[in-house]
C-alpha atoms as a PDB file:
ATOM      1  CA  MET A   1      -4.255  25.596 -20.231  1.00  0.00           C
ATOM      2  CA  LEU A   2      -4.023  24.270 -23.750  1.00  0.00           C
ATOM      3  CA  TYR A   3      -7.539  22.775 -23.686  1.00  0.00           C
ATOM      4  CA  ALA A   4      -9.210  25.030 -21.115  1.00  0.00           C
ATOM      5  CA  ARG A   5     -11.715  26.591 -23.498  1.00  0.00           C
ATOM      6  CA  GLU A   6     -12.429  23.512 -25.579  1.00  0.00           C
ATOM      7  CA  LEU A   7     -13.052  21.123 -22.685  1.00  0.00           C
ATOM      8  CA  GLN A   8     -14.786  23.194 -20.037  1.00  0.00           C
ATOM      9  CA  GLY A   9     -15.931  21.200 -17.039  1.00  0.00           C
ATOM     10  CA  THR A  10     -13.258  18.551 -17.568  1.00  0.00           C
ATOM     11  CA  LEU A  11     -10.380  18.002 -15.173  1.00  0.00           C
ATOM     12  CA  ILE A  12      -7.199  16.441 -16.582  1.00  0.00           C
ATOM     13  CA  THR A  13      -4.482  15.343 -14.154  1.00  0.00           C
ATOM     14  CA  VAL A  14      -1.124  13.735 -14.885  1.00  0.00           C
ATOM     15  CA  THR A  15      -0.973  10.865 -12.382  1.00  0.00           C
ATOM     16  CA  ALA A  16       2.270   9.183 -13.460  1.00  0.00           C
ATOM     17  CA  VAL A  17       5.069   9.487 -15.980  1.00  0.00           C
ATOM     18  CA  ARG A  18       7.310   6.545 -16.765  1.00  0.00           C
ATOM     19  CA  ILE A  19      10.426   7.278 -18.781  1.00  0.00           C
ATOM     20  CA  SER A  20      12.580   4.669 -20.509  1.00  0.00           C
ATOM     21  CA  PRO A  21      16.201   4.337 -19.321  1.00  0.00           C
ATOM     22  CA  ASP A  22      17.536   6.041 -22.450  1.00  0.00           C
ATOM     23  CA  LEU A  23      15.047   8.953 -21.997  1.00  0.00           C
ATOM     24  CA  GLY A  24      13.662   8.312 -25.470  1.00  0.00           C
ATOM     25  CA  ILE A  25      10.099   7.342 -24.524  1.00  0.00           C
ATOM     26  CA  ALA A  26       7.763   8.799 -21.910  1.00  0.00           C
ATOM     27  CA  ARG A  27       4.497   7.078 -21.019  1.00  0.00           C
ATOM     28  CA  ILE A  28       2.131   9.592 -19.455  1.00  0.00           C
ATOM     29  CA  HIS A  29      -0.899   8.428 -17.470  1.00  0.00           C
ATOM     30  CA  LEU A  30      -3.811  10.874 -17.362  1.00  0.00           C
ATOM     31  CA  SER A  31      -6.713  10.861 -14.950  1.00  0.00           C
ATOM     32  CA  ILE A  32      -9.748  12.459 -16.595  1.00  0.00           C
ATOM     33  CA  PHE A  33     -12.834  13.614 -14.701  1.00  0.00           C
ATOM     34  CA  PRO A  34     -15.660  13.060 -15.532  1.00  0.00           C
ATOM     35  CA  SER A  35     -14.645   9.633 -16.750  1.00  0.00           C
ATOM     36  CA  ASN A  36     -17.355   9.477 -19.411  1.00  0.00           C
ATOM     37  CA  LYS A  37     -15.338  12.061 -21.402  1.00  0.00           C
ATOM     38  CA  SER A  38     -12.065  10.151 -21.165  1.00  0.00           C
ATOM     39  CA  VAL A  39     -12.170   8.724 -24.706  1.00  0.00           C
ATOM     40  CA  GLU A  40     -12.863  12.148 -26.224  1.00  0.00           C
ATOM     41  CA  VAL A  41     -10.180  13.895 -24.167  1.00  0.00           C
ATOM     42  CA  LEU A  42      -7.549  11.216 -24.787  1.00  0.00           C
ATOM     43  CA  ALA A  43      -8.211  11.406 -28.542  1.00  0.00           C
ATOM     44  CA  LYS A  44      -7.753  15.192 -28.444  1.00  0.00           C
ATOM     45  CA  VAL A  45      -4.511  14.906 -26.451  1.00  0.00           C
ATOM     46  CA  GLN A  46      -3.159  12.235 -28.797  1.00  0.00           C
ATOM     47  CA  GLU A  47      -3.954  14.452 -31.795  1.00  0.00           C
ATOM     48  CA  ASP A  48      -1.866  17.225 -30.251  1.00  0.00           C
ATOM     49  CA  THR A  49       1.064  15.051 -29.152  1.00  0.00           C
ATOM     50  CA  ARG A  50       3.449  16.762 -31.585  1.00  0.00           C
ATOM     51  CA  ALA A  51       2.546  20.236 -30.284  1.00  0.00           C
ATOM     52  CA  ILE A  52       2.868  19.089 -26.664  1.00  0.00           C
ATOM     53  CA  ARG A  53       6.279  17.550 -27.381  1.00  0.00           C
ATOM     54  CA  PHE A  54       7.395  20.750 -29.128  1.00  0.00           C
ATOM     55  CA  ASP A  55       6.337  22.862 -26.116  1.00  0.00           C
ATOM     56  CA  LEU A  56       8.112  20.435 -23.786  1.00  0.00           C
ATOM     57  CA  GLY A  57      11.239  20.706 -25.937  1.00  0.00           C
ATOM     58  CA  LYS A  58      11.204  24.497 -25.648  1.00  0.00           C
ATOM     59  CA  ARG A  59      10.984  24.262 -21.856  1.00  0.00           C
ATOM     60  CA  VAL A  60      13.685  21.628 -21.288  1.00  0.00           C
ATOM     61  CA  ARG A  61      16.053  22.314 -24.173  1.00  0.00           C
ATOM     62  CA  HIS A  62      18.949  23.198 -21.860  1.00  0.00           C
ATOM     63  CA  GLN A  63      18.366  20.285 -19.453  1.00  0.00           C
ATOM     64  CA  LEU A  64      17.777  17.344 -21.809  1.00  0.00           C
ATOM     65  CA  ARG A  65      19.683  16.297 -24.878  1.00  0.00           C
ATOM     66  CA  ILE A  66      16.718  14.308 -26.241  1.00  0.00           C
ATOM     67  CA  VAL A  67      13.068  15.257 -25.895  1.00  0.00           C
ATOM     68  CA  PRO A  68      11.262  11.966 -25.298  1.00  0.00           C
ATOM     69  CA  GLU A  69       8.557  10.627 -27.560  1.00  0.00           C
ATOM     70  CA  LEU A  70       5.239  10.949 -25.705  1.00  0.00           C
ATOM     71  CA  PHE A  71       2.610   8.238 -25.324  1.00  0.00           C
ATOM     72  CA  PHE A  72      -0.579   9.052 -23.413  1.00  0.00           C
ATOM     73  CA  HIS A  73      -2.712   6.512 -21.534  1.00  0.00           C
ATOM     74  CA  VAL A  74      -5.855   6.832 -19.402  1.00  0.00           C
ATOM     75  CA  ASP A  75      -5.298   6.058 -15.731  1.00  0.00           C
ATOM     76  CA  ASP A  76      -8.532   4.459 -14.567  1.00  0.00           C
ATOM     77  CA  SER A  77      -7.330   3.508 -11.090  1.00  0.00           C
ATOM     78  CA  LEU A  78      -9.702   6.022  -9.464  1.00  0.00           C
ATOM     79  CA  ASP A  79     -12.658   4.473 -11.298  1.00  0.00           C
ATOM     80  CA  TYR A  80     -11.507   1.044 -10.150  1.00  0.00           C
ATOM     81  CA  LEU A  81     -11.310   2.210  -6.523  1.00  0.00           C
ATOM     82  CA  GLU A  82     -14.732   3.843  -6.758  1.00  0.00           C
ATOM     83  CA  ASN A  83     -16.193   0.612  -8.151  1.00  0.00           C
ATOM     84  CA  ILE A  84     -14.722  -1.383  -5.264  1.00  0.00           C
ATOM     85  CA  ASP A  85     -16.129   1.112  -2.740  1.00  0.00           C
ATOM     86  CA  ASN A  86     -19.580   0.867  -4.337  1.00  0.00           C
ATOM     87  CA  LEU A  87     -19.464  -2.923  -4.256  1.00  0.00           C
ATOM     88  CA  LEU A  88     -18.454  -2.938  -0.602  1.00  0.00           C
ATOM     89  CA  LYS A  89     -21.242  -0.516   0.292  1.00  0.00           C
ATOM     90  CA  SER A  90     -23.903  -2.404  -1.652  1.00  0.00           C
ATOM     91  CA  ASP A  91     -23.147  -5.845  -0.206  1.00  0.00           C
ATOM     92  CA  PRO A  92     -23.959  -5.873   3.518  1.00  0.00           C
ATOM     93  CA  PRO A  93     -21.461  -7.738   5.625  1.00  0.00           C
ATOM     94  CA  SER A  94     -22.471 -11.244   6.566  1.00  0.00           C
ATOM     95  CA  ALA A  95     -22.791 -12.214  10.188  1.00  0.00           C
ATOM     96  CA  ILE A  96     -19.720 -13.886  11.543  1.00  0.00           C
ATOM     97  CA  THR A  97     -20.552 -17.173  13.105  1.00  0.00           C
ATOM     98  CA  GLU A  98     -18.124 -19.050  15.226  1.00  0.00           C
ATOM     99  CA  GLU A  99     -18.051 -22.798  15.002  1.00  0.00           C
ATOM    100  CA  PRO A 100     -17.973 -24.591  18.326  1.00  0.00           C
ATOM    101  CA  GLU A 101     -14.690 -26.285  19.028  1.00  0.00           C
ATOM    102  CA  ASN A 102     -14.767 -30.014  19.867  1.00  0.00           C
END
């Protein structure tokens, strides 16, 4: 909702969050579609990290003693899977030939 007007036509999804054992650091992986806007969107999110952390602190202030420091990363696993699918589709399977047994 925070970026809905600024980044119309862009879908941002949180795919994973990894939190350190002491709850001091949270690494957030974002999937951004279309992927050609990922650098722009990640830069915007990283600029607003303090505001996002403040909003998170307001929401979890009674559940957590420490609001973790947030680090955002692009999750490109979907692009990787799409690339593999395209490679498999473009390369026709080779004929399987059986060698005669002696």
